[in-house]
């Protein structure tokens, strides 16, 4: 006799698989800290606190802004649209989500 453990059903999910289109995944966002040195991407969103979001916007790190990883670590240094370099604490940079450029 074998016993099986089933995952609880999620009532908040639609019953029909066709209710959600599966072709909408264009590119996956990753934390900025996962960019490799020299790799470029575009800011997708931030998972930061409102005060941090305000600071990031003031520095030019806005949705769809182009960034290039210059230095990994602490601080994380990125080039913003090729115009300037910004140093960010690693914990803040890890909450900035980017889409990798092709």
Protein backbone atom coordinates (compact mmCIF):
# COMPACT_ATOMS: atom_id res chain seq x y z
CA UNK A 1 0.00 0.00 0.00
CA UNK A 2 1.45 3.34 -0.98
CA UNK A 3 0.19 6.65 0.27
CA UNK A 4 0.10 9.70 -1.93
CA UNK A 5 0.18 13.26 -0.75
CA UNK A 6 -1.77 15.62 -2.95
CA UNK A 7 -1.21 19.35 -3.10
CA UNK A 8 -4.19 21.39 -1.91
CA UNK A 9 -6.27 22.77 -4.74
CA UNK A 10 -5.94 26.48 -5.44
CA UNK A 11 -9.46 27.89 -5.67
CA UNK A 12 -8.21 31.31 -6.83
CA UNK A 13 -6.91 29.87 -10.11
CA UNK A 14 -9.20 29.67 -13.14
CA UNK A 15 -10.75 26.28 -13.78
CA UNK A 16 -10.01 26.40 -17.51
CA UNK A 17 -6.42 26.35 -18.76
CA UNK A 18 -7.50 28.34 -21.83
CA UNK A 19 -8.48 31.28 -19.60
CA UNK A 20 -4.83 32.40 -19.50
CA UNK A 21 -2.92 32.76 -22.77
CA UNK A 22 0.41 30.97 -22.66
CA UNK A 23 2.04 33.02 -25.42
CA UNK A 24 2.40 36.22 -23.38
CA UNK A 25 5.82 35.33 -21.95
CA UNK A 26 8.18 37.52 -23.95
CA UNK A 27 11.16 37.80 -21.68
CA UNK A 28 11.75 36.96 -18.07
CA UNK A 29 12.79 39.61 -15.58
CA UNK A 30 15.73 38.86 -13.31
CA UNK A 31 17.29 40.79 -10.42
CA UNK A 32 19.87 43.32 -11.62
CA UNK A 33 22.48 41.52 -9.51
CA UNK A 34 22.20 38.50 -11.84
CA UNK A 35 23.46 40.43 -14.87
CA UNK A 36 26.99 39.45 -15.86
CA UNK A 37 29.70 42.07 -16.26
CA UNK A 38 29.16 43.88 -19.59
CA UNK A 39 25.62 42.51 -20.01
CA UNK A 40 22.84 44.99 -20.78
CA UNK A 41 19.17 45.05 -19.93
CA UNK A 42 16.17 47.30 -19.45
CA UNK A 43 14.58 48.02 -16.11
CA UNK A 44 11.26 46.25 -15.81
CA UNK A 45 10.13 47.05 -12.26
CA UNK A 46 11.37 47.32 -8.70
CA UNK A 47 10.43 45.33 -5.67
CA UNK A 48 11.71 48.03 -3.34
CA UNK A 49 10.13 50.14 -0.63
CA UNK A 50 8.42 53.37 -1.79
CA UNK A 51 11.29 55.53 -0.45
CA UNK A 52 13.85 53.43 -2.33
CA UNK A 53 11.72 53.58 -5.51
CA UNK A 54 11.65 57.36 -5.28
CA UNK A 55 15.45 57.46 -4.85
CA UNK A 56 15.99 55.09 -7.79
CA UNK A 57 13.74 57.20 -10.06
CA UNK A 58 15.62 60.36 -9.02
CA UNK A 59 18.88 58.66 -10.10
CA UNK A 60 17.38 57.77 -13.49
CA UNK A 61 16.60 54.12 -12.82
CA UNK A 62 13.09 54.20 -14.27
CA UNK A 63 11.07 51.55 -16.10
CA UNK A 64 12.54 50.81 -19.55
CA UNK A 65 15.84 52.60 -18.77
CA UNK A 66 18.85 50.86 -20.33
CA UNK A 67 21.50 49.59 -17.91
CA UNK A 68 24.82 47.80 -18.34
CA UNK A 69 26.53 45.93 -15.52
CA UNK A 70 29.98 47.41 -14.92
CA UNK A 71 30.91 45.81 -11.60
CA UNK A 72 29.31 43.07 -9.55
CA UNK A 73 29.50 43.01 -5.80
CA UNK A 74 29.26 45.70 -3.18
CA UNK A 75 28.57 48.27 -4.44
CA UNK A 76 27.03 47.06 -7.69
CA UNK A 77 27.99 49.58 -10.40
CA UNK A 78 25.83 50.00 -13.51
CA UNK A 79 26.08 52.31 -16.47
CA UNK A 80 22.80 54.10 -17.09
CA UNK A 81 22.04 54.54 -20.81
CA UNK A 82 25.79 54.93 -21.37
CA UNK A 83 25.60 58.41 -19.84
CA UNK A 84 26.72 57.87 -16.24
CA UNK A 85 27.63 55.19 -13.72
CA UNK A 86 25.67 54.57 -10.55
CA UNK A 87 26.74 52.56 -7.51
CA UNK A 88 24.01 50.69 -5.65
CA UNK A 89 24.08 48.66 -2.47
CA UNK A 90 23.74 45.00 -3.42
CA UNK A 91 20.51 44.57 -1.42
CA UNK A 92 18.85 47.45 -3.32
CA UNK A 93 20.19 46.30 -6.71
CA UNK A 94 18.77 42.83 -6.05
CA UNK A 95 15.26 44.33 -5.89
CA UNK A 96 15.56 46.06 -9.30
CA UNK A 97 14.22 43.67 -11.94
CA UNK A 98 15.59 43.84 -15.50
CA UNK A 99 14.85 42.22 -18.87
CA UNK A 100 18.05 41.09 -20.59
CA UNK A 101 18.67 42.65 -24.03
CA UNK A 102 19.06 40.20 -26.89
